[in-house]
Amino acid sequence: MPWIAASLISAFFLGCYDLFTKHAVRDNAVLPVLFLANLCSATLWLTLMAIQALHPGTLPATFVVAPLRIAEHGQLLLKSVIVASSWTCSYFAVKHLPVSIAAPIRATGPIWTLIGALLVLGERPSGLEMLGIATTLASFVGLSVAGSAEGIHFRRNPWIGWILAGTLFGAVSGLYDKFLLGRVGFGAATVQAWFSIYLALLFLPLAVGWKFRWWPRHTFTWRWSIPLVSLALLVCDFIYFSVLRDPAALVSIVASLRRGSLLVAFAGSLLFFGEINGRKKIPAVLGIIAGIALTLLG
């Protein structure tokens, strides 16, 4: 099915996004990275919207942003608030955790999306889906054991709570995406354009507070990976939003496929960041992938 192939391509860029994010925030101030990455995305879409306004018919229909009513702007602003909450939690956690710990935890997102689909959409899991949930949770425990070898104790490390919160907000965002694109009928370009613009505006006060030292803060260093964070996310999300417009696409399966990004992020963490105890984490990572696969087969 085309939407399955597109979901896998989105997963590749999502894995690249995880790696670029780790490079951008490692030993760096998080809030300026968040703001500048989103400013890059917002600037691109504002440029395309200006071209659309000044030269109608110039852009391909795929990149045309539809006019919105005030209520529709409110719906997209709500999405931006959810994602801003997810990213704030995740970026701070990724800064303090190895990618080989953070990426597998984030990969459990499809499980929480499935649980949300059960509660909100009234879906009922098959036996394989239930087995997938159990396998993923068991692997999560195994990952915590491997992480303890690096001094990362899941119950005592506050950043584990942050990455879990970011993952849960991400699952809520996934369910809301299906509502916006599959039921309300927003176009992918419209959602991504305004979502990017509102995110930049939401992070602006935080960036200003960081600039004027309203609280104790870390120093910021510009890195080439910051615009690459934006680029990888733009490609990843545009494909993802396009997939969710397909009536045949199931949000729980799309979410599961996208978490194949774990393979890219995990391999990259060992190759580029030289993270320790990688081999000890492989069984838990494979278990999480198996849990996602079982959920998909279900």
C-alpha atoms as a PDB file:
ATOM      1  CA  MET A   1       0.000   0.000   0.000  1.00  0.00           C
ATOM      2  CA  PRO A   2       1.415   3.440  -0.894  1.00  0.00           C
ATOM      3  CA  TRP A   3       0.673   4.898   2.546  1.00  0.00           C
ATOM      4  CA  ILE A   4       2.732   2.144   4.189  1.00  0.00           C
ATOM      5  CA  ALA A   5       5.758   2.898   1.975  1.00  0.00           C
ATOM      6  CA  ALA A   6       5.333   6.615   2.662  1.00  0.00           C
ATOM      7  CA  SER A   7       5.196   5.908   6.414  1.00  0.00           C
ATOM      8  CA  LEU A   8       8.525   4.071   6.200  1.00  0.00           C
ATOM      9  CA  ILE A   9      10.143   6.978   4.333  1.00  0.00           C
ATOM     10  CA  SER A  10       8.795   9.303   7.022  1.00  0.00           C
ATOM     11  CA  ALA A  11      10.358   6.970   9.624  1.00  0.00           C
ATOM     12  CA  PHE A  12      13.802   7.331   8.024  1.00  0.00           C
ATOM     13  CA  PHE A  13      13.685  11.123   8.219  1.00  0.00           C
ATOM     14  CA  LEU A  14      12.319  10.906  11.766  1.00  0.00           C
ATOM     15  CA  GLY A  15      15.397   8.895  12.744  1.00  0.00           C
ATOM     16  CA  CYS A  16      17.615  11.547  11.127  1.00  0.00           C
ATOM     17  CA  TYR A  17      15.680  14.186  13.077  1.00  0.00           C
ATOM     18  CA  ASP A  18      16.474  12.374  16.354  1.00  0.00           C
ATOM     19  CA  LEU A  19      20.189  12.333  15.530  1.00  0.00           C
ATOM     20  CA  PHE A  20      20.309  15.981  14.441  1.00  0.00           C
ATOM     21  CA  THR A  21      18.425  16.945  17.609  1.00  0.00           C
ATOM     22  CA  LYS A  22      20.964  15.151  19.804  1.00  0.00           C
ATOM     23  CA  HIS A  23      23.839  16.890  18.003  1.00  0.00           C
ATOM     24  CA  ALA A  24      22.140  20.290  18.290  1.00  0.00           C
ATOM     25  CA  VAL A  25      21.327  20.143  22.017  1.00  0.00           C
ATOM     26  CA  ARG A  26      24.327  18.195  23.341  1.00  0.00           C
ATOM     27  CA  ASP A  27      26.144  20.530  25.767  1.00  0.00           C
ATOM     28  CA  ASN A  28      24.070  23.388  24.377  1.00  0.00           C
ATOM     29  CA  ALA A  29      21.164  25.603  25.486  1.00  0.00           C
ATOM     30  CA  VAL A  30      17.893  23.889  24.530  1.00  0.00           C
ATOM     31  CA  LEU A  31      15.480  26.828  24.205  1.00  0.00           C
ATOM     32  CA  PRO A  32      17.421  28.720  21.482  1.00  0.00           C
ATOM     33  CA  VAL A  33      17.731  25.449  19.538  1.00  0.00           C
ATOM     34  CA  LEU A  34      13.981  24.905  19.754  1.00  0.00           C
ATOM     35  CA  PHE A  35      13.226  28.456  18.664  1.00  0.00           C
ATOM     36  CA  LEU A  36      15.748  28.626  15.809  1.00  0.00           C
ATOM     37  CA  ALA A  37      14.819  25.208  14.405  1.00  0.00           C
ATOM     38  CA  ASN A  38      11.162  26.204  14.309  1.00  0.00           C
ATOM     39  CA  LEU A  39      12.032  29.661  12.981  1.00  0.00           C
ATOM     40  CA  CYS A  40      13.705  27.959   9.998  1.00  0.00           C
ATOM     41  CA  SER A  41      10.531  25.977   9.318  1.00  0.00           C
ATOM     42  CA  ALA A  42       8.256  28.991   9.775  1.00  0.00           C
ATOM     43  CA  THR A  43      10.439  31.135   7.494  1.00  0.00           C
ATOM     44  CA  LEU A  44      10.236  28.556   4.714  1.00  0.00           C
ATOM     45  CA  TRP A  45       6.448  28.364   4.914  1.00  0.00           C
ATOM     46  CA  LEU A  46       6.030  32.138   5.172  1.00  0.00           C
ATOM     47  CA  THR A  47       8.138  32.452   2.013  1.00  0.00           C
ATOM     48  CA  LEU A  48       5.952  29.915   0.190  1.00  0.00           C
ATOM     49  CA  MET A  49       2.795  31.678   1.417  1.00  0.00           C
ATOM     50  CA  ALA A  50       4.163  35.027   0.165  1.00  0.00           C
ATOM     51  CA  ILE A  51       4.851  33.499  -3.263  1.00  0.00           C
ATOM     52  CA  GLN A  52       1.340  32.057  -3.247  1.00  0.00           C
ATOM     53  CA  ALA A  53      -0.162  35.489  -2.452  1.00  0.00           C
ATOM     54  CA  LEU A  54       1.953  37.487  -4.915  1.00  0.00           C
ATOM     55  CA  HIS A  55       1.986  34.973  -7.761  1.00  0.00           C
ATOM     56  CA  PRO A  56      -1.134  32.772  -7.568  1.00  0.00           C
ATOM     57  CA  GLY A  57      -0.864  29.509  -9.441  1.00  0.00           C
ATOM     58  CA  THR A  58       2.936  29.443  -9.282  1.00  0.00           C
ATOM     59  CA  LEU A  59       3.252  26.778  -6.590  1.00  0.00           C
ATOM     60  CA  PRO A  60       2.259  23.137  -7.067  1.00  0.00           C
ATOM     61  CA  ALA A  61      -1.097  22.375  -5.449  1.00  0.00           C
ATOM     62  CA  THR A  62       0.676  20.182  -2.884  1.00  0.00           C
ATOM     63  CA  PHE A  63       2.283  23.263  -1.286  1.00  0.00           C
ATOM     64  CA  VAL A  64      -0.726  25.600  -1.385  1.00  0.00           C
ATOM     65  CA  VAL A  65      -1.901  26.753   2.054  1.00  0.00           C
ATOM     66  CA  ALA A  66      -5.686  27.099   2.243  1.00  0.00           C
ATOM     67  CA  PRO A  67      -7.350  30.157   3.861  1.00  0.00           C
ATOM     68  CA  LEU A  68      -8.687  29.439   7.350  1.00  0.00           C
ATOM     69  CA  ARG A  69     -11.470  30.671   9.597  1.00  0.00           C
ATOM     70  CA  ILE A  70     -10.700  31.789  13.153  1.00  0.00           C
ATOM     71  CA  ALA A  71     -11.982  28.515  14.629  1.00  0.00           C
ATOM     72  CA  GLU A  72      -9.692  26.556  12.301  1.00  0.00           C
ATOM     73  CA  HIS A  73      -6.727  28.659  13.368  1.00  0.00           C
ATOM     74  CA  GLY A  74      -7.658  27.720  16.941  1.00  0.00           C
ATOM     75  CA  GLN A  75      -7.563  24.021  16.061  1.00  0.00           C
ATOM     76  CA  LEU A  76      -4.065  24.346  14.601  1.00  0.00           C
ATOM     77  CA  LEU A  77      -2.898  26.491  17.508  1.00  0.00           C
ATOM     78  CA  LEU A  78      -4.013  23.691  19.850  1.00  0.00           C
ATOM     79  CA  LYS A  79      -1.907  21.232  17.862  1.00  0.00           C
ATOM     80  CA  SER A  80       1.079  23.556  18.222  1.00  0.00           C
ATOM     81  CA  VAL A  81       0.580  23.756  21.997  1.00  0.00           C
ATOM     82  CA  ILE A  82       0.510  19.946  22.245  1.00  0.00           C
ATOM     83  CA  VAL A  83       3.635  19.580  20.111  1.00  0.00           C
ATOM     84  CA  ALA A  84       5.439  22.408  21.931  1.00  0.00           C
ATOM     85  CA  SER A  85       4.821  20.557  25.203  1.00  0.00           C
ATOM     86  CA  SER A  86       6.095  17.308  23.678  1.00  0.00           C
ATOM     87  CA  TRP A  87       9.213  18.889  22.193  1.00  0.00           C
ATOM     88  CA  THR A  88      10.126  20.875  25.296  1.00  0.00           C
ATOM     89  CA  CYS A  89      10.053  17.710  27.389  1.00  0.00           C
ATOM     90  CA  SER A  90      11.816  15.625  24.733  1.00  0.00           C
ATOM     91  CA  TYR A  91      14.584  18.102  23.860  1.00  0.00           C
ATOM     92  CA  PHE A  92      15.610  18.598  27.483  1.00  0.00           C
ATOM     93  CA  ALA A  93      15.545  14.827  28.033  1.00  0.00           C
ATOM     94  CA  VAL A  94      17.552  14.092  24.863  1.00  0.00           C
ATOM     95  CA  LYS A  95      20.166  16.593  26.002  1.00  0.00           C
ATOM     96  CA  HIS A  96      20.730  14.637  29.231  1.00  0.00           C
ATOM     97  CA  LEU A  97      20.116  11.053  28.053  1.00  0.00           C
ATOM     98  CA  PRO A  98      21.965   8.863  25.535  1.00  0.00           C
ATOM     99  CA  VAL A  99      20.113   8.574  22.208  1.00  0.00           C
ATOM    100  CA  SER A 100      20.231   4.798  22.664  1.00  0.00           C
ATOM    101  CA  ILE A 101      18.042   5.276  25.758  1.00  0.00           C
ATOM    102  CA  ALA A 102      15.855   8.171  24.608  1.00  0.00           C
ATOM    103  CA  ALA A 103      15.067   6.843  21.114  1.00  0.00           C
ATOM    104  CA  PRO A 104      13.729   3.453  22.284  1.00  0.00           C
ATOM    105  CA  ILE A 105      11.537   5.156  24.893  1.00  0.00           C
ATOM    106  CA  ARG A 106      10.163   7.498  22.243  1.00  0.00           C
ATOM    107  CA  ALA A 107       9.613   4.432  20.057  1.00  0.00           C
ATOM    108  CA  THR A 108       6.958   3.254  22.514  1.00  0.00           C
ATOM    109  CA  GLY A 109       4.766   6.101  21.216  1.00  0.00           C
ATOM    110  CA  PRO A 110       2.656   3.786  18.983  1.00  0.00           C
ATOM    111  CA  ILE A 111       1.643   1.777  22.042  1.00  0.00           C
ATOM    112  CA  TRP A 112       0.304   4.889  23.762  1.00  0.00           C
ATOM    113  CA  THR A 113      -1.341   5.936  20.487  1.00  0.00           C
ATOM    114  CA  LEU A 114      -3.053   2.552  20.333  1.00  0.00           C
ATOM    115  CA  ILE A 115      -4.207   2.871  23.946  1.00  0.00           C
ATOM    116  CA  GLY A 116      -5.522   6.348  23.136  1.00  0.00           C
ATOM    117  CA  ALA A 117      -7.332   4.939  20.105  1.00  0.00           C
ATOM    118  CA  LEU A 118      -8.962   2.359  22.383  1.00  0.00           C
ATOM    119  CA  LEU A 119     -10.107   4.968  24.867  1.00  0.00           C
ATOM    120  CA  VAL A 120     -11.006   7.809  22.505  1.00  0.00           C
ATOM    121  CA  LEU A 121     -11.992   6.084  19.267  1.00  0.00           C
ATOM    122  CA  GLY A 122     -13.429   2.923  20.792  1.00  0.00           C
ATOM    123  CA  GLU A 123     -11.134   0.572  18.885  1.00  0.00           C
ATOM    124  CA  ARG A 124     -10.568  -2.965  20.191  1.00  0.00           C
ATOM    125  CA  PRO A 125      -7.122  -4.605  19.991  1.00  0.00           C
ATOM    126  CA  SER A 126      -6.551  -8.044  18.536  1.00  0.00           C
ATOM    127  CA  GLY A 127      -4.625 -10.726  20.380  1.00  0.00           C
ATOM    128  CA  LEU A 128      -1.448  -9.823  18.478  1.00  0.00           C
ATOM    129  CA  GLU A 129      -1.851  -6.156  19.370  1.00  0.00           C
ATOM    130  CA  MET A 130      -2.166  -7.051  23.053  1.00  0.00           C
ATOM    131  CA  LEU A 131       0.923  -9.257  22.748  1.00  0.00           C
ATOM    132  CA  GLY A 132       2.714  -6.359  21.077  1.00  0.00           C
ATOM    133  CA  ILE A 133       1.856  -4.055  23.969  1.00  0.00           C
ATOM    134  CA  ALA A 134       3.107  -6.610  26.501  1.00  0.00           C
ATOM    135  CA  THR A 135       6.331  -7.220  24.535  1.00  0.00           C
ATOM    136  CA  THR A 136       7.042  -3.515  24.274  1.00  0.00           C
ATOM    137  CA  LEU A 137       6.486  -2.903  27.972  1.00  0.00           C
ATOM    138  CA  ALA A 138       8.686  -5.881  28.904  1.00  0.00           C
ATOM    139  CA  SER A 139      11.422  -4.581  26.606  1.00  0.00           C
ATOM    140  CA  PHE A 140      11.065  -1.182  28.216  1.00  0.00           C
ATOM    141  CA  VAL A 141      11.917  -2.820  31.556  1.00  0.00           C
ATOM    142  CA  GLY A 142      14.909  -4.508  29.909  1.00  0.00           C
ATOM    143  CA  LEU A 143      16.086  -1.177  28.570  1.00  0.00           C
ATOM    144  CA  SER A 144      15.935   0.269  32.076  1.00  0.00           C
ATOM    145  CA  VAL A 145      18.251  -2.515  33.280  1.00  0.00           C
ATOM    146  CA  ALA A 146      20.736  -1.774  30.474  1.00  0.00           C
ATOM    147  CA  GLY A 147      20.520   1.944  31.220  1.00  0.00           C
ATOM    148  CA  SER A 148      21.379   1.381  34.867  1.00  0.00           C
ATOM    149  CA  ALA A 149      24.857   0.287  33.718  1.00  0.00           C
ATOM    150  CA  GLU A 150      25.385   3.909  32.649  1.00  0.00           C
ATOM    151  CA  GLY A 151      24.103   5.265  35.940  1.00  0.00           C
ATOM    152  CA  ILE A 152      20.662   5.967  34.439  1.00  0.00           C
ATOM    153  CA  HIS A 153      18.139   4.583  36.909  1.00  0.00           C
ATOM    154  CA  PHE A 154      14.653   4.884  35.469  1.00  0.00           C
ATOM    155  CA  ARG A 155      12.919   5.435  38.788  1.00  0.00           C
ATOM    156  CA  ARG A 156      15.363   8.075  40.044  1.00  0.00           C
ATOM    157  CA  ASN A 157      16.458   9.883  36.900  1.00  0.00           C
ATOM    158  CA  PRO A 158      14.142  12.882  36.316  1.00  0.00           C
ATOM    159  CA  TRP A 159      14.922  12.985  32.589  1.00  0.00           C
ATOM    160  CA  ILE A 160      13.267   9.597  32.115  1.00  0.00           C
ATOM    161  CA  GLY A 161      10.059  11.247  33.316  1.00  0.00           C
ATOM    162  CA  TRP A 162      10.604  14.085  30.865  1.00  0.00           C
ATOM    163  CA  ILE A 163      11.091  11.761  27.883  1.00  0.00           C
ATOM    164  CA  LEU A 164       8.026   9.765  28.932  1.00  0.00           C
ATOM    165  CA  ALA A 165       5.969  12.970  29.156  1.00  0.00           C
ATOM    166  CA  GLY A 166       7.228  14.027  25.727  1.00  0.00           C
ATOM    167  CA  THR A 167       6.286  10.623  24.321  1.00  0.00           C
ATOM    168  CA  LEU A 168       2.777  10.784  25.786  1.00  0.00           C
ATOM    169  CA  PHE A 169       2.209  14.296  24.433  1.00  0.00           C
ATOM    170  CA  GLY A 170       3.427  12.957  21.085  1.00  0.00           C
ATOM    171  CA  ALA A 171       0.840  10.175  21.201  1.00  0.00           C
ATOM    172  CA  VAL A 172      -1.899  12.745  21.882  1.00  0.00           C
ATOM    173  CA  SER A 173      -0.605  14.751  18.925  1.00  0.00           C
ATOM    174  CA  GLY A 174      -0.797  11.656  16.703  1.00  0.00           C
ATOM    175  CA  LEU A 175      -4.456  11.099  17.551  1.00  0.00           C
ATOM    176  CA  TYR A 176      -5.213  14.783  17.011  1.00  0.00           C
ATOM    177  CA  ASP A 177      -3.402  14.699  13.653  1.00  0.00           C
ATOM    178  CA  LYS A 178      -5.734  11.963  12.420  1.00  0.00           C
ATOM    179  CA  PHE A 179      -8.699  14.074  13.517  1.00  0.00           C
ATOM    180  CA  LEU A 180      -7.407  17.201  11.741  1.00  0.00           C
ATOM    181  CA  LEU A 181      -6.304  15.536   8.505  1.00  0.00           C
ATOM    182  CA  GLY A 182      -8.616  12.547   8.271  1.00  0.00           C
ATOM    183  CA  ARG A 183     -11.882  13.910   9.645  1.00  0.00           C
ATOM    184  CA  VAL A 184     -11.764  17.709   9.486  1.00  0.00           C
ATOM    185  CA  GLY A 185      -9.996  17.512   6.111  1.00  0.00           C
ATOM    186  CA  PHE A 186      -7.105  19.958   6.471  1.00  0.00           C
ATOM    187  CA  GLY A 187      -4.451  19.744   3.769  1.00  0.00           C
ATOM    188  CA  ALA A 188      -0.938  18.655   4.723  1.00  0.00           C
ATOM    189  CA  ALA A 189       0.566  21.992   3.657  1.00  0.00           C
ATOM    190  CA  THR A 190      -2.022  23.979   5.619  1.00  0.00           C
ATOM    191  CA  VAL A 191      -1.402  22.039   8.827  1.00  0.00           C
ATOM    192  CA  GLN A 192       2.371  22.125   8.548  1.00  0.00           C
ATOM    193  CA  ALA A 193       2.568  25.802   7.595  1.00  0.00           C
ATOM    194  CA  TRP A 194       0.460  27.180  10.431  1.00  0.00           C
ATOM    195  CA  PHE A 195       1.705  24.583  12.901  1.00  0.00           C
ATOM    196  CA  SER A 196       5.290  25.725  12.175  1.00  0.00           C
ATOM    197  CA  ILE A 197       4.408  29.421  12.437  1.00  0.00           C
ATOM    198  CA  TYR A 198       2.526  28.998  15.721  1.00  0.00           C
ATOM    199  CA  LEU A 199       5.337  26.878  17.167  1.00  0.00           C
ATOM    200  CA  ALA A 200       7.883  29.611  16.433  1.00  0.00           C
ATOM    201  CA  LEU A 201       5.589  32.139  18.131  1.00  0.00           C
ATOM    202  CA  LEU A 202       5.111  29.879  21.164  1.00  0.00           C
ATOM    203  CA  PHE A 203       8.867  29.417  21.606  1.00  0.00           C
ATOM    204  CA  LEU A 204       9.649  33.106  21.044  1.00  0.00           C
ATOM    205  CA  PRO A 205       8.905  34.238  24.660  1.00  0.00           C
ATOM    206  CA  LEU A 206      11.050  31.386  25.974  1.00  0.00           C
ATOM    207  CA  ALA A 207      13.907  32.377  23.670  1.00  0.00           C
ATOM    208  CA  VAL A 208      13.569  36.010  24.808  1.00  0.00           C
ATOM    209  CA  GLY A 209      13.626  34.904  28.451  1.00  0.00           C
ATOM    210  CA  TRP A 210      16.768  32.888  27.769  1.00  0.00           C
ATOM    211  CA  LYS A 211      18.388  35.858  25.980  1.00  0.00           C
ATOM    212  CA  PHE A 212      17.764  38.268  28.855  1.00  0.00           C
ATOM    213  CA  ARG A 213      18.695  35.723  31.543  1.00  0.00           C
ATOM    214  CA  TRP A 214      15.323  35.622  33.277  1.00  0.00           C
ATOM    215  CA  TRP A 215      16.503  32.326  34.787  1.00  0.00           C
ATOM    216  CA  PRO A 216      19.835  30.484  35.153  1.00  0.00           C
ATOM    217  CA  ARG A 217      20.773  29.133  31.755  1.00  0.00           C
ATOM    218  CA  HIS A 218      23.394  27.404  29.657  1.00  0.00           C
ATOM    219  CA  THR A 219      25.339  29.095  26.875  1.00  0.00           C
ATOM    220  CA  PHE A 220      24.288  28.663  23.263  1.00  0.00           C
ATOM    221  CA  THR A 221      26.484  27.695  20.321  1.00  0.00           C
ATOM    222  CA  TRP A 222      25.233  27.757  16.718  1.00  0.00           C
ATOM    223  CA  ARG A 223      25.562  24.364  15.031  1.00  0.00           C
ATOM    224  CA  TRP A 224      24.956  23.191  11.454  1.00  0.00           C
ATOM    225  CA  SER A 225      22.598  20.551  12.807  1.00  0.00           C
ATOM    226  CA  ILE A 226      19.976  23.159  13.847  1.00  0.00           C
ATOM    227  CA  PRO A 227      18.674  23.862  10.302  1.00  0.00           C
ATOM    228  CA  LEU A 228      18.984  20.122   9.590  1.00  0.00           C
ATOM    229  CA  VAL A 229      16.629  19.466  12.522  1.00  0.00           C
ATOM    230  CA  SER A 230      14.135  21.716  10.756  1.00  0.00           C
ATOM    231  CA  LEU A 231      14.711  20.168   7.321  1.00  0.00           C
ATOM    232  CA  ALA A 232      14.399  16.565   8.524  1.00  0.00           C
ATOM    233  CA  LEU A 233      11.224  17.387  10.430  1.00  0.00           C
ATOM    234  CA  LEU A 234       9.678  19.253   7.492  1.00  0.00           C
ATOM    235  CA  VAL A 235      10.181  16.287   5.165  1.00  0.00           C
ATOM    236  CA  CYS A 236       9.160  13.743   7.794  1.00  0.00           C
ATOM    237  CA  ASP A 237       5.984  15.561   8.848  1.00  0.00           C
ATOM    238  CA  PHE A 238       4.892  16.571   5.349  1.00  0.00           C
ATOM    239  CA  ILE A 239       4.934  12.917   4.262  1.00  0.00           C
ATOM    240  CA  TYR A 240       3.250  11.909   7.523  1.00  0.00           C
ATOM    241  CA  PHE A 241       0.463  14.493   7.191  1.00  0.00           C
ATOM    242  CA  SER A 242      -0.113  13.424   3.577  1.00  0.00           C
ATOM    243  CA  VAL A 243      -0.428   9.798   4.717  1.00  0.00           C
ATOM    244  CA  LEU A 244      -3.043  10.653   7.350  1.00  0.00           C
ATOM    245  CA  ARG A 245      -5.251  12.222   4.668  1.00  0.00           C
ATOM    246  CA  ASP A 246      -5.617   8.759   3.118  1.00  0.00           C
ATOM    247  CA  PRO A 247      -8.919   7.273   4.385  1.00  0.00           C
ATOM    248  CA  ALA A 248      -7.313   3.813   4.352  1.00  0.00           C
ATOM    249  CA  ALA A 249      -4.449   4.855   6.641  1.00  0.00           C
ATOM    250  CA  LEU A 250      -4.824   3.656  10.238  1.00  0.00           C
ATOM    251  CA  VAL A 251      -3.208   5.990  12.743  1.00  0.00           C
ATOM    252  CA  SER A 252      -2.069   3.146  15.019  1.00  0.00           C
ATOM    253  CA  ILE A 253      -0.277   1.394  12.133  1.00  0.00           C
ATOM    254  CA  VAL A 254       1.219   4.628  10.776  1.00  0.00           C
ATOM    255  CA  ALA A 255       2.535   5.454  14.261  1.00  0.00           C
ATOM    256  CA  SER A 256       4.033   1.969  14.562  1.00  0.00           C
ATOM    257  CA  LEU A 257       5.746   2.165  11.187  1.00  0.00           C
ATOM    258  CA  ARG A 258       7.152   5.623  11.897  1.00  0.00           C
ATOM    259  CA  ARG A 259       8.849   4.302  15.012  1.00  0.00           C
ATOM    260  CA  GLY A 260      11.060   2.262  12.730  1.00  0.00           C
ATOM    261  CA  SER A 261      13.048   5.489  13.093  1.00  0.00           C
ATOM    262  CA  LEU A 262      14.463   3.774  16.164  1.00  0.00           C
ATOM    263  CA  LEU A 263      16.768   1.729  13.913  1.00  0.00           C
ATOM    264  CA  VAL A 264      18.240   4.876  12.344  1.00  0.00           C
ATOM    265  CA  ALA A 265      18.597   6.679  15.675  1.00  0.00           C
ATOM    266  CA  PHE A 266      20.037   3.695  17.534  1.00  0.00           C
ATOM    267  CA  ALA A 267      22.602   2.889  14.831  1.00  0.00           C
ATOM    268  CA  GLY A 268      23.539   6.566  14.529  1.00  0.00           C
ATOM    269  CA  SER A 269      23.965   6.923  18.288  1.00  0.00           C
ATOM    270  CA  LEU A 270      26.554   4.152  18.305  1.00  0.00           C
ATOM    271  CA  LEU A 271      28.261   5.258  15.085  1.00  0.00           C
ATOM    272  CA  PHE A 272      28.411   9.042  15.574  1.00  0.00           C
ATOM    273  CA  PHE A 273      28.191   9.575  19.342  1.00  0.00           C
ATOM    274  CA  GLY A 274      30.114   6.518  20.512  1.00  0.00           C
ATOM    275  CA  GLU A 275      27.588   5.725  23.232  1.00  0.00           C
ATOM    276  CA  ILE A 276      28.611   2.984  25.609  1.00  0.00           C
ATOM    277  CA  ASN A 277      26.888  -0.318  26.385  1.00  0.00           C
ATOM    278  CA  GLY A 278      25.260  -0.362  22.961  1.00  0.00           C
ATOM    279  CA  ARG A 279      25.382  -4.152  22.708  1.00  0.00           C
ATOM    280  CA  LYS A 280      23.656  -4.547  26.052  1.00  0.00           C
ATOM    281  CA  LYS A 281      20.747  -2.463  24.778  1.00  0.00           C
ATOM    282  CA  ILE A 282      20.303  -4.403  21.517  1.00  0.00           C
ATOM    283  CA  PRO A 283      18.010  -7.148  22.967  1.00  0.00           C
ATOM    284  CA  ALA A 284      15.721  -4.516  24.510  1.00  0.00           C
ATOM    285  CA  VAL A 285      15.698  -2.486  21.296  1.00  0.00           C
ATOM    286  CA  LEU A 286      14.896  -5.605  19.259  1.00  0.00           C
ATOM    287  CA  GLY A 287      12.146  -6.389  21.762  1.00  0.00           C
ATOM    288  CA  ILE A 288      10.609  -2.955  21.259  1.00  0.00           C
ATOM    289  CA  ILE A 289      10.777  -3.422  17.481  1.00  0.00           C
ATOM    290  CA  ALA A 290       9.169  -6.865  17.856  1.00  0.00           C
ATOM    291  CA  GLY A 291       6.410  -5.346  19.965  1.00  0.00           C
ATOM    292  CA  ILE A 292       5.778  -2.701  17.316  1.00  0.00           C
ATOM    293  CA  ALA A 293       5.779  -5.403  14.598  1.00  0.00           C
ATOM    294  CA  LEU A 294       3.261  -7.506  16.533  1.00  0.00           C
ATOM    295  CA  THR A 295       1.072  -4.448  16.965  1.00  0.00           C
ATOM    296  CA  LEU A 296       1.326  -3.823  13.222  1.00  0.00           C
ATOM    297  CA  LEU A 297       0.481  -7.443  12.333  1.00  0.00           C
ATOM    298  CA  GLY A 298      -2.483  -7.326  14.669  1.00  0.00           C
END
